[in-house]
Amino acid sequence: MKAYVFPGQGSQFKGMGKELFDSSELARNMFKEADAILGFSLSQVMFEGTDEDLKQTKITQPAVFLHSVISASLLENFKPDMVAGHSLGELSALVAINTLSFTDGLKLVYARALAMQEACELTPSTMAAVIGYTSDEQIENICREITDEIVVPANYNAPGQLVISGSVKGIDIAIEKLKAAGVKRAIKLPVSGAFHSPLMEPARKKIAEAIYQTKFNTPICPIYQNVTAIAETDPARIQQNQMAQLTAPVKWTQSIKQMIADGATEFIEVGPGNVLQGLIKKIRG
């Protein structure tokens, strides 16, 4: 069975999408439509912007989404048995399987990006990658020990690879505790905020309203959502899970394991980069 997976923030690169634009009329039309919907030339930033331009959340998220959705549209015989998306990538997946229209998906992504950027500016916060430890429970327990600051597991990316999220002070404390506990590496990430943590609550409230007002259709195949890590096909449940996603952890390891248990034999990454393929190899062992 074929599973298609869609990347999230961090997969962007300079010049992304230019090859698609140059080689396909469908891609050119979709880029032009996206620029018109957003009211600015996202395509120009994608093709000509600097690394710094592309790192801005309000640019990164719609750029990765657009690249992924166009890539999916250009695939011959796109007949997925199941799909999943990492964080932002879940919205790309929802458009690819016809649960959201292209226009609604892009509007939600941009609203999400702006809301997250605003939330990042409210509280100094960050994330850290934790690599080489005995179990997820070990990291979860260390996070729970820090009671004066917010620190939570944010991304279960692969066995032995977890990202934590929280206040800057909380992450600093967590890194010291993790190193003392013998964890191989705990490194702050170059991000502007604590994604998938309670510090994203202001963004969740804003985006939940936008999601509530958006029409969700029955998908052409099951989607394994970050919040539940199980197959979802009911539009109402998919919508609810999307509302919860910003403050809940990304259960990527759990999702991929469940997809394999449900029969996935081939994983195809759709969008910029190949980060997810690397994670899936680690999950498969």
Protein backbone atom coordinates (compact mmCIF):
# COMPACT_ATOMS: atom_id res chain seq x y z
CA MET A 1 0.00 0.00 0.00
CA LYS A 2 1.21 3.48 -0.89
CA ALA A 3 1.50 6.18 1.78
CA TYR A 4 2.22 9.78 0.83
CA VAL A 5 3.83 12.07 3.41
CA PHE A 6 4.09 15.87 3.39
CA PRO A 7 6.89 17.87 5.09
CA GLY A 8 6.57 20.80 7.46
CA GLN A 9 8.48 23.94 8.35
CA GLY A 10 12.25 23.56 7.98
CA SER A 11 12.17 21.96 4.51
CA GLN A 12 12.38 25.29 2.67
CA PHE A 13 15.36 26.23 0.49
CA LYS A 14 16.45 29.12 -1.73
CA GLY A 15 14.92 28.97 -5.20
CA MET A 16 12.27 26.46 -4.12
CA GLY A 17 9.55 25.90 -6.70
CA LYS A 18 11.36 27.58 -9.62
CA GLU A 19 11.90 24.25 -11.36
CA LEU A 20 8.20 23.42 -11.00
CA PHE A 21 7.23 26.86 -12.35
CA ASP A 22 9.54 26.57 -15.36
CA SER A 23 8.47 23.06 -16.34
CA SER A 24 4.68 23.07 -15.92
CA GLU A 25 1.80 25.29 -16.99
CA LEU A 26 -0.34 23.86 -14.19
CA ALA A 27 2.35 24.85 -11.68
CA ARG A 28 2.60 28.37 -13.17
CA ASN A 29 -1.15 28.82 -12.85
CA MET A 30 -1.15 27.60 -9.24
CA PHE A 31 1.72 29.94 -8.30
CA LYS A 32 -0.14 32.88 -9.89
CA GLU A 33 -3.36 31.91 -8.12
CA ALA A 34 -1.54 31.70 -4.77
CA ASP A 35 0.02 35.17 -5.27
CA ALA A 36 -3.46 36.57 -6.01
CA ILE A 37 -5.05 34.88 -2.96
CA LEU A 38 -2.31 36.12 -0.60
CA GLY A 39 -2.09 39.62 -2.07
CA PHE A 40 1.71 39.52 -2.46
CA SER A 41 4.20 37.65 -4.64
CA LEU A 42 5.03 34.58 -2.57
CA SER A 43 6.46 33.01 -5.73
CA GLN A 44 9.02 35.81 -6.08
CA VAL A 45 10.20 35.30 -2.47
CA MET A 46 10.41 31.54 -3.06
CA PHE A 47 12.40 31.91 -6.29
CA GLU A 48 14.60 34.91 -5.40
CA GLY A 49 14.46 35.39 -1.61
CA THR A 50 17.36 34.87 0.78
CA ASP A 51 17.59 32.15 3.43
CA GLU A 52 16.58 34.80 5.98
CA ASP A 53 13.47 35.75 3.95
CA LEU A 54 12.43 32.11 3.77
CA LYS A 55 12.95 31.56 7.53
CA GLN A 56 10.11 33.96 8.41
CA THR A 57 7.19 31.84 9.57
CA LYS A 58 4.72 33.91 7.51
CA ILE A 59 6.75 33.02 4.38
CA THR A 60 8.01 29.53 5.26
CA GLN A 61 4.64 27.96 5.91
CA PRO A 62 2.80 29.05 2.74
CA ALA A 63 5.97 28.37 0.70
CA VAL A 64 6.35 24.77 1.89
CA PHE A 65 2.58 24.23 1.54
CA LEU A 66 2.52 25.59 -2.01
CA HIS A 67 5.53 23.55 -3.13
CA SER A 68 3.97 20.37 -1.66
CA VAL A 69 0.49 20.88 -3.09
CA ILE A 70 1.81 21.71 -6.57
CA SER A 71 4.13 18.68 -6.42
CA ALA A 72 1.17 16.45 -5.53
CA SER A 73 -0.90 17.95 -8.37
CA LEU A 74 1.86 17.08 -10.85
CA LEU A 75 2.16 13.44 -9.77
CA GLU A 76 0.85 10.93 -12.30
CA ASN A 77 -1.58 8.37 -10.87
CA PHE A 78 -1.81 10.05 -7.46
CA LYS A 79 -3.93 7.41 -5.73
CA PRO A 80 -2.80 7.26 -2.11
CA ASP A 81 -3.99 4.50 0.18
CA MET A 82 -3.17 6.75 3.14
CA VAL A 83 -1.44 10.08 3.88
CA ALA A 84 0.16 12.01 6.74
CA GLY A 85 1.76 15.43 7.09
CA HIS A 86 4.31 16.66 9.63
CA SER A 87 2.81 19.67 11.46
CA LEU A 88 2.16 22.24 8.69
CA GLY A 89 2.38 19.35 6.21
CA GLU A 90 -0.96 18.06 7.47
CA LEU A 91 -2.68 20.96 5.69
CA SER A 92 -0.82 20.13 2.45
CA ALA A 93 -2.02 16.53 2.82
CA LEU A 94 -5.63 17.66 3.40
CA VAL A 95 -5.61 19.61 0.14
CA ALA A 96 -3.99 16.70 -1.75
CA ILE A 97 -6.79 14.32 -0.62
CA ASN A 98 -9.57 16.85 -1.40
CA THR A 99 -10.63 17.46 2.20
CA LEU A 100 -9.79 21.14 1.72
CA SER A 101 -9.88 23.20 -1.46
CA PHE A 102 -6.59 24.74 -2.61
CA THR A 103 -7.89 28.24 -1.82
CA ASP A 104 -9.17 27.34 1.65
CA GLY A 105 -5.98 25.41 2.44
CA LEU A 106 -3.73 28.32 1.47
CA LYS A 107 -5.84 30.82 3.43
CA LEU A 108 -5.68 28.58 6.53
CA VAL A 109 -1.92 28.13 6.18
CA TYR A 110 -1.34 31.88 5.95
CA ALA A 111 -3.67 32.60 8.88
CA ARG A 112 -1.86 29.89 10.87
CA ALA A 113 1.56 31.34 10.02
CA LEU A 114 0.57 34.89 11.04
CA ALA A 115 -1.08 33.68 14.26
CA MET A 116 1.99 31.62 15.19
CA GLN A 117 4.35 34.51 14.45
CA GLU A 118 2.26 36.78 16.71
CA ALA A 119 2.25 34.16 19.50
CA CYS A 120 6.05 33.86 19.22
CA GLU A 121 6.37 37.60 19.83
CA LEU A 122 4.27 37.47 23.02
CA THR A 123 6.65 35.25 25.04
CA PRO A 124 10.37 34.53 24.57
CA SER A 125 10.26 30.85 23.69
CA THR A 126 12.14 28.24 21.70
CA MET A 127 12.62 24.53 20.95
CA ALA A 128 15.45 22.03 21.36
CA ALA A 129 16.30 18.77 19.62
CA VAL A 130 17.03 15.86 21.96
CA ILE A 131 19.01 12.96 20.45
CA GLY A 132 20.31 9.75 21.97
CA TYR A 133 18.34 8.76 25.09
CA THR A 134 16.88 5.63 26.62
CA SER A 135 13.14 6.23 26.09
CA ASP A 136 10.53 8.90 25.34
CA GLU A 137 9.34 8.47 28.94
CA GLN A 138 12.75 9.61 30.19
CA ILE A 139 12.35 12.94 28.33
CA GLU A 140 8.69 13.30 29.33
CA ASN A 141 9.60 12.84 33.01
CA ILE A 142 12.38 15.46 32.85
CA CYS A 143 9.92 17.93 31.25
CA ARG A 144 7.41 17.24 34.03
CA GLU A 145 10.06 17.92 36.68
CA ILE A 146 10.30 21.56 35.51
CA THR A 147 7.29 23.09 37.22
CA ASP A 148 8.15 26.81 37.24
CA GLU A 149 8.48 27.05 33.44
CA ILE A 150 6.67 25.55 30.44
CA VAL A 151 8.56 22.69 28.79
CA VAL A 152 6.81 19.89 26.87
CA PRO A 153 7.59 17.21 24.25
CA ALA A 154 6.60 18.77 20.91
CA ASN A 155 7.70 16.45 18.09
CA TYR A 156 8.08 12.67 18.37
CA ASN A 157 10.15 12.53 15.17
CA ALA A 158 11.79 9.08 15.37
CA PRO A 159 13.05 6.64 18.01
CA GLY A 160 15.78 8.45 19.94
CA GLN A 161 14.92 11.79 18.33
CA LEU A 162 12.46 14.09 20.07
CA VAL A 163 11.99 17.88 20.06
CA ILE A 164 10.97 19.75 23.22
CA SER A 165 9.28 23.13 23.28
CA GLY A 166 8.81 25.85 25.89
CA SER A 167 9.96 29.12 27.41
CA VAL A 168 13.59 30.09 26.80
CA LYS A 169 14.40 29.69 30.51
CA GLY A 170 12.55 26.37 30.66
CA ILE A 171 14.44 24.97 27.66
CA ASP A 172 17.77 26.09 29.19
CA ILE A 173 16.90 24.25 32.43
CA ALA A 174 15.77 21.17 30.46
CA ILE A 175 19.01 21.04 28.47
CA GLU A 176 21.06 21.04 31.70
CA LYS A 177 18.88 18.30 33.22
CA LEU A 178 19.03 16.21 30.05
CA LYS A 179 22.82 16.42 29.87
CA ALA A 180 23.06 15.49 33.56
CA ALA A 181 20.85 12.46 32.84
CA GLY A 182 23.31 11.26 30.19
CA VAL A 183 21.39 12.28 27.07
CA LYS A 184 23.77 12.33 24.10
CA ARG A 185 22.74 15.69 22.62
CA ALA A 186 20.29 18.46 23.51
CA ILE A 187 20.58 21.44 21.19
CA LYS A 188 18.51 24.60 20.83
CA LEU A 189 16.94 24.98 17.40
CA PRO A 190 17.01 28.21 15.33
CA VAL A 191 13.26 28.80 15.65
CA SER A 192 11.34 31.87 16.78
CA GLY A 193 8.96 30.18 19.20
CA ALA A 194 7.65 27.19 21.11
CA PHE A 195 5.57 25.42 18.48
CA HIS A 196 3.24 22.60 19.60
CA SER A 197 3.24 23.78 23.22
CA PRO A 198 0.78 25.62 25.51
CA LEU A 199 2.58 28.85 24.54
CA MET A 200 0.81 28.57 21.15
CA GLU A 201 -2.62 28.92 22.81
CA PRO A 202 -3.18 32.49 21.49
CA ALA A 203 -2.48 31.22 17.97
CA ARG A 204 -4.68 28.14 18.48
CA LYS A 205 -7.64 30.33 19.45
CA LYS A 206 -7.23 32.47 16.34
CA ILE A 207 -6.74 29.60 13.91
CA ALA A 208 -9.52 27.51 15.51
CA GLU A 209 -12.02 30.20 14.49
CA ALA A 210 -10.75 30.17 10.90
CA ILE A 211 -10.79 26.34 10.81
CA TYR A 212 -14.34 26.28 12.20
CA GLN A 213 -15.51 28.52 9.34
CA THR A 214 -13.83 26.37 6.66
CA LYS A 215 -15.59 23.53 4.84
CA PHE A 216 -13.96 20.11 5.38
CA ASN A 217 -14.92 17.39 2.86
CA THR A 218 -14.66 13.60 3.07
CA PRO A 219 -11.09 12.63 2.06
CA ILE A 220 -10.28 10.24 -0.81
CA CYS A 221 -8.26 8.12 1.67
CA PRO A 222 -7.50 8.04 5.42
CA ILE A 223 -5.20 10.67 6.93
CA TYR A 224 -3.10 9.86 9.99
CA GLN A 225 -3.22 13.10 11.94
CA ASN A 226 -0.51 14.43 14.27
CA VAL A 227 -2.84 14.67 17.26
CA THR A 228 -4.23 11.11 17.22
CA ALA A 229 -1.72 9.08 15.09
CA ILE A 230 -4.59 6.92 13.79
CA ALA A 231 -6.53 6.76 10.51
CA GLU A 232 -9.15 9.50 10.25
CA THR A 233 -11.79 9.83 7.51
CA ASP A 234 -14.60 11.75 9.24
CA PRO A 235 -14.49 15.44 8.18
CA ALA A 236 -15.74 16.65 11.59
CA ARG A 237 -13.03 14.72 13.45
CA ILE A 238 -10.35 15.87 11.00
CA GLN A 239 -11.47 19.46 11.58
CA GLN A 240 -11.39 19.04 15.39
CA ASN A 241 -7.91 17.51 15.27
CA GLN A 242 -6.66 20.42 13.16
CA MET A 243 -7.99 22.85 15.79
CA ALA A 244 -6.03 21.01 18.49
CA GLN A 245 -2.79 20.62 16.53
CA LEU A 246 -0.96 23.85 17.44
CA THR A 247 -0.75 23.15 21.17
CA ALA A 248 -0.48 19.33 20.94
CA PRO A 249 2.63 17.26 20.17
CA VAL A 250 3.31 15.95 16.66
CA LYS A 251 3.06 12.15 17.03
CA TRP A 252 5.09 11.36 13.92
CA THR A 253 6.76 8.18 15.16
CA GLN A 254 3.42 6.85 16.35
CA SER A 255 1.70 7.80 13.05
CA ILE A 256 4.26 6.04 10.85
CA LYS A 257 4.22 2.92 13.06
CA GLN A 258 0.42 2.82 12.79
CA MET A 259 0.52 3.30 9.01
CA ILE A 260 2.94 0.36 8.73
CA ALA A 261 0.68 -1.73 11.01
CA ASP A 262 -2.25 -0.83 8.74
CA GLY A 263 -0.43 -2.05 5.63
CA ALA A 264 1.79 0.77 4.32
CA THR A 265 4.67 -0.73 2.31
CA GLU A 266 5.89 2.32 0.35
CA PHE A 267 6.31 5.91 1.62
CA ILE A 268 6.51 8.73 -0.94
CA GLU A 269 7.53 12.21 0.27
CA VAL A 270 5.78 15.05 -1.56
CA GLY A 271 7.27 18.54 -1.28
CA PRO A 272 10.64 20.17 -0.66
CA GLY A 273 13.48 18.09 0.77
CA ASN A 274 13.62 14.52 2.06
CA VAL A 275 13.67 14.97 5.85
CA LEU A 276 10.67 12.69 6.36
CA GLN A 277 12.27 9.82 4.42
CA GLY A 278 15.18 9.92 6.85
CA LEU A 279 12.85 9.84 9.86
CA ILE A 280 10.81 6.98 8.37
CA LYS A 281 13.97 4.89 7.84
CA LYS A 282 14.79 5.33 11.56
CA ILE A 283 11.22 4.47 12.58
CA ARG A 284 11.23 1.34 10.43
CA GLY A 285 14.60 0.36 11.92
